[in-house]
Protein backbone atom coordinates (compact mmCIF):
# COMPACT_ATOMS: atom_id res chain seq x y z
CA MET A 1 20.73 4.26 36.67
CA GLY A 2 21.70 2.29 40.27
CA ASN A 3 19.95 1.25 42.92
CA SER A 4 20.86 3.74 45.71
CA GLU A 5 20.53 6.57 43.03
CA LYS A 6 17.02 4.94 41.95
CA LEU A 7 16.21 4.94 45.25
CA ALA A 8 17.33 8.55 46.43
CA ILE A 9 14.49 10.08 44.55
CA LEU A 10 12.00 8.10 46.89
CA ASP A 11 13.38 10.18 49.35
CA ASN A 12 11.40 13.45 47.82
CA ILE A 13 9.21 11.21 45.64
CA ALA A 14 6.64 14.26 45.78
CA TRP A 15 8.64 16.79 44.28
CA HIS A 16 10.39 14.79 41.61
CA THR A 17 7.01 13.52 40.78
CA LEU A 18 5.43 17.56 40.22
CA VAL A 19 8.45 18.24 38.18
CA GLY A 20 8.53 15.36 36.13
CA PRO A 21 5.94 13.07 34.90
CA HIS A 22 2.66 14.45 36.55
CA ALA A 23 3.99 18.47 36.14
CA ARG A 24 0.33 18.71 33.98
CA PHE A 25 -1.42 17.82 36.75
CA ALA A 26 0.98 20.53 39.24
CA ALA A 27 0.73 23.96 39.87
CA GLY A 28 3.27 26.09 41.45
CA HIS A 29 6.62 27.20 40.23
CA GLY A 30 10.18 28.23 41.38
CA LYS A 31 11.12 25.27 44.65
CA ALA A 32 7.16 24.62 45.40
CA ARG A 33 4.84 22.68 43.52
CA ARG A 34 1.52 21.31 44.71
CA TYR A 35 -1.06 18.96 43.11
CA ALA A 36 -3.75 21.09 41.28
CA ARG A 37 -6.66 21.44 42.93
CA GLY A 38 -9.10 18.30 42.67
CA PHE A 39 -6.01 15.67 42.94
CA SER A 40 -4.33 14.38 46.20
CA PRO A 41 -3.57 17.33 47.84
CA ILE A 42 0.17 16.98 47.85
CA VAL A 43 3.22 19.65 48.22
CA GLY A 44 6.54 19.42 46.59
CA PHE A 45 9.75 20.80 47.71
CA ALA A 46 12.78 21.31 46.11
CA ASP A 47 14.63 21.19 49.35
CA ALA A 48 12.64 19.46 51.62
CA GLN A 49 14.31 20.49 54.37
CA SER A 50 13.62 23.60 53.58
CA PRO A 51 10.70 24.23 52.23
CA ASP A 52 9.68 27.68 49.97
CA PHE A 53 6.37 28.51 51.80
CA ALA A 54 6.41 31.73 50.54
CA VAL A 55 6.60 30.41 46.88
CA LEU A 56 3.61 27.96 47.91
CA ALA A 57 1.24 30.44 49.51
CA ALA A 58 0.74 31.99 45.87
CA HIS A 59 -0.93 28.90 44.83
CA CYS A 60 -2.89 28.10 47.83
CA GLU A 61 -6.19 28.95 49.68
CA PRO A 62 -6.09 30.12 53.46
CA GLY A 63 -7.68 27.16 55.44
CA GLU A 64 -6.75 24.77 52.26
CA HIS A 65 -4.71 21.25 53.84
CA PHE A 66 -1.76 19.90 52.08
CA TYR A 67 0.36 16.66 53.08
CA CYS A 68 3.98 17.63 53.17
CA ASP A 69 6.61 14.98 53.64
CA GLY A 70 10.11 15.66 55.03
CA TRP A 71 9.79 18.63 56.73
CA SER A 72 9.77 18.79 60.61
CA ALA A 73 11.15 22.19 61.24
CA GLU A 74 8.51 24.84 63.12
CA ALA A 75 5.83 26.87 60.95
CA PRO A 76 6.70 29.89 59.41
CA GLN A 77 4.69 32.61 59.80
CA GLY A 78 1.13 32.63 58.02
CA TRP A 79 1.26 28.43 58.21
CA ARG A 80 -0.09 26.32 60.91
CA ILE A 81 0.51 22.58 61.08
CA ASP A 82 -3.06 20.58 61.75
CA ALA A 83 -1.80 16.90 61.70
CA GLU A 84 1.90 15.70 61.94
CA SER A 85 3.42 11.76 62.36
CA THR A 86 5.81 9.44 60.37
CA MET A 87 5.00 7.05 57.79
CA PHE A 88 7.21 4.13 56.23
CA LYS A 89 8.31 4.45 52.70
CA MET A 90 8.51 0.59 51.50
CA VAL A 91 9.37 -0.69 48.27
CA TRP A 92 8.83 -3.74 46.46
CA ASP A 93 11.68 -5.98 47.07
CA GLY A 94 9.38 -9.63 46.13
CA LYS A 95 9.12 -12.07 43.74
CA ALA A 96 7.07 -10.99 40.47
CA PRO A 97 3.59 -11.99 41.00
CA GLU A 98 3.35 -15.17 38.57
CA ARG A 99 -0.45 -14.34 37.80
CA ASP A 100 -3.41 -11.78 38.09
CA GLU A 101 -5.25 -12.61 41.00
CA ALA A 102 -7.97 -10.12 40.31
CA PRO A 103 -8.70 -10.89 36.51
CA ASP A 104 -12.32 -9.64 37.07
CA ALA A 105 -11.51 -6.25 39.16
CA ILE A 106 -12.93 -3.43 36.80
CA ARG A 107 -10.60 -0.61 35.98
CA LEU A 108 -12.01 2.33 37.25
CA ALA A 109 -12.64 5.68 35.28
CA GLU A 110 -13.95 8.88 34.72
CA GLU A 111 -17.61 7.49 35.51
CA HIS A 112 -16.46 5.94 38.61
CA ALA A 113 -14.96 8.70 40.31
CA ALA A 114 -17.59 9.98 42.80
CA GLN A 115 -17.61 6.31 44.03
CA ALA A 116 -14.05 6.38 44.77
CA LEU A 117 -14.08 9.52 46.80
CA GLU A 118 -16.71 8.63 48.54
CA LEU A 119 -14.92 4.88 49.69
CA ALA A 120 -11.46 7.38 50.07
CA THR A 121 -13.42 9.40 52.54
CA LEU A 122 -15.30 6.44 54.27
CA THR A 123 -12.35 4.62 54.27
CA ARG A 124 -8.92 6.94 54.61
CA PRO A 125 -6.41 5.34 52.55
CA GLY A 126 -4.42 8.64 52.51
CA PRO A 127 -4.54 11.77 50.86
CA PHE A 128 -7.29 11.73 48.05
CA GLY A 129 -9.32 13.78 45.66
CA PRO A 130 -11.94 13.84 43.24
CA ARG A 131 -9.35 13.44 40.66
CA THR A 132 -6.56 10.99 41.41
CA ILE A 133 -8.16 8.26 39.92
CA GLU A 134 -6.38 9.97 36.75
CA LEU A 135 -3.02 9.84 38.27
CA GLY A 136 -2.63 6.53 36.93
CA GLU A 137 -4.52 2.80 36.94
CA TYR A 138 -6.96 2.15 39.08
CA PHE A 139 -8.75 -1.07 39.71
CA GLY A 140 -11.72 -1.94 41.27
CA TYR A 141 -14.84 -4.59 42.70
CA PHE A 142 -18.04 -3.68 42.89
CA GLU A 143 -21.12 -5.47 44.34
CA GLY A 144 -23.88 -4.59 41.63
CA SER A 145 -22.95 -0.74 40.87
CA ARG A 146 -21.53 -0.29 44.26
CA LEU A 147 -17.49 0.25 44.08
CA ILE A 148 -16.40 -1.98 47.45
CA ALA A 149 -12.52 -2.08 47.09
CA MET A 150 -9.90 -0.66 45.36
CA ALA A 151 -6.37 0.22 44.23
CA GLY A 152 -4.12 2.35 42.07
CA GLU A 153 -1.06 4.19 41.22
CA ARG A 154 -0.36 7.71 42.04
CA MET A 155 3.10 9.31 42.57
CA CYS A 156 6.18 8.43 39.89
CA ALA A 157 9.35 9.34 39.13
CA GLY A 158 12.27 7.52 37.41
CA GLU A 159 11.89 3.65 37.77
CA LEU A 160 9.59 4.29 41.08
CA HIS A 161 5.72 3.73 40.69
CA GLU A 162 3.45 4.07 43.58
CA ILE A 163 1.05 1.48 45.01
CA SER A 164 -2.09 4.22 46.59
CA GLY A 165 -5.54 4.09 47.09
CA VAL A 166 -6.10 0.67 48.79
CA CYS A 167 -9.01 0.67 50.78
CA VAL A 168 -11.95 -2.18 50.72
CA HIS A 169 -15.35 -1.16 52.34
CA PRO A 170 -15.57 -1.94 56.34
CA ASP A 171 -18.36 -4.34 55.49
CA PHE A 172 -16.38 -6.40 53.13
CA GLN A 173 -13.20 -6.25 54.65
CA GLY A 174 -10.96 -9.73 55.58
CA ARG A 175 -12.00 -11.12 51.58
CA GLY A 176 -8.75 -10.44 50.49
CA MET A 177 -9.61 -7.94 48.19
CA ALA A 178 -7.24 -5.79 49.34
CA ARG A 179 -4.45 -8.46 48.43
CA ARG A 180 -5.36 -9.30 45.41
CA LEU A 181 -5.81 -5.78 43.70
CA MET A 182 -2.47 -4.69 44.99
CA SER A 183 -0.86 -8.03 43.61
CA LYS A 184 -2.69 -6.96 40.17
CA VAL A 185 -1.03 -3.26 39.81
CA VAL A 186 2.59 -4.75 41.54
CA ARG A 187 2.18 -7.17 38.61
CA ARG A 188 1.51 -4.68 35.90
CA GLN A 189 4.28 -2.73 37.43
CA LEU A 190 6.54 -4.73 37.35
CA MET A 191 5.81 -5.86 33.62
CA ARG A 192 6.38 -2.14 32.44
CA ASN A 193 9.95 -2.67 34.41
CA LYS A 194 8.88 0.09 37.29
CA THR A 195 9.42 -0.86 41.08
CA PRO A 196 6.64 -0.14 43.26
CA PHE A 197 6.58 1.59 46.34
CA LEU A 198 3.97 2.56 48.75
CA HIS A 199 3.69 4.70 51.72
CA VAL A 200 1.89 3.77 55.15
CA MET A 201 1.49 5.26 58.17
CA ARG A 202 3.96 4.06 61.47
CA ASP A 203 0.26 3.22 63.77
CA ASN A 204 -1.56 0.99 60.81
CA THR A 205 0.60 -2.28 61.86
CA GLY A 206 -2.30 -3.93 59.82
CA ALA A 207 -1.35 -2.57 57.06
CA ARG A 208 2.49 -2.89 56.87
CA THR A 209 2.19 -6.53 57.99
CA LEU A 210 0.50 -7.18 54.49
CA TYR A 211 2.66 -5.37 52.54
CA GLU A 212 5.55 -7.26 54.03
CA ARG A 213 3.73 -10.33 53.02
CA LEU A 214 3.30 -8.85 50.11
CA GLY A 215 7.18 -8.56 49.25
CA PHE A 216 7.79 -4.65 50.00
CA ARG A 217 10.15 -3.89 52.30
CA ASN A 218 10.75 -1.10 54.50
CA TYR A 219 12.92 1.92 53.18
CA ARG A 220 12.95 4.42 55.37
CA GLU A 221 10.87 6.20 58.07
CA SER A 222 9.86 10.01 57.50
CA ALA A 223 7.65 12.71 58.72
CA VAL A 224 4.83 13.47 57.53
CA ARG A 225 2.47 16.79 57.75
CA VAL A 226 -0.72 18.08 57.24
CA ILE A 227 -0.14 22.30 56.91
CA ALA A 228 -2.40 24.79 55.69
CA ARG A 229 -2.35 28.57 55.45
CA CYS A 230 -3.50 30.44 58.01
């Protein structure tokens, strides 16, 4: 697969993930899929520019919120847009980390799910659910028994694998924990011959600067919305 073909998957990564490696975590049929309840509230469509909301509606409850990538038309009847912005899709373009910079990080497991959700709810790194850490490898730092920082994986298709859930408790920011955890996850992905990528909101300039320093480059800017059935 050539580089342009590989990156083309990123244009509609949610769909390729939900009908591919994460199909077992998905609900839906036809041209619409969503992560099952409990996972990240993300939807994917076979045609991101012309979403099949009629199919999706059968798998959603009224008022249930989802993140939708790449669609910018008006909401159809029975649906509403509760938030909208743009985000950057960034792809790894750096050298492989020479060493594990977070050897003391702990691999998160089922018993850490509640703490991971609590930290994500506080810091808002993106769509996150109580079972999101089941979607890939997640690592964290603890102070005693309290989770204070984490980073892990979410969507994946082809050679692409997402870095996601990167967050640090406000009381512990500025100590380089996010950078070290991301470097660890990137290194592990590269060792599996995967290409790391991530999403970052347009206004999150601090995070974008960090990601660029680590070795990520902008691939494209994409519309992102939070939608719900009325």
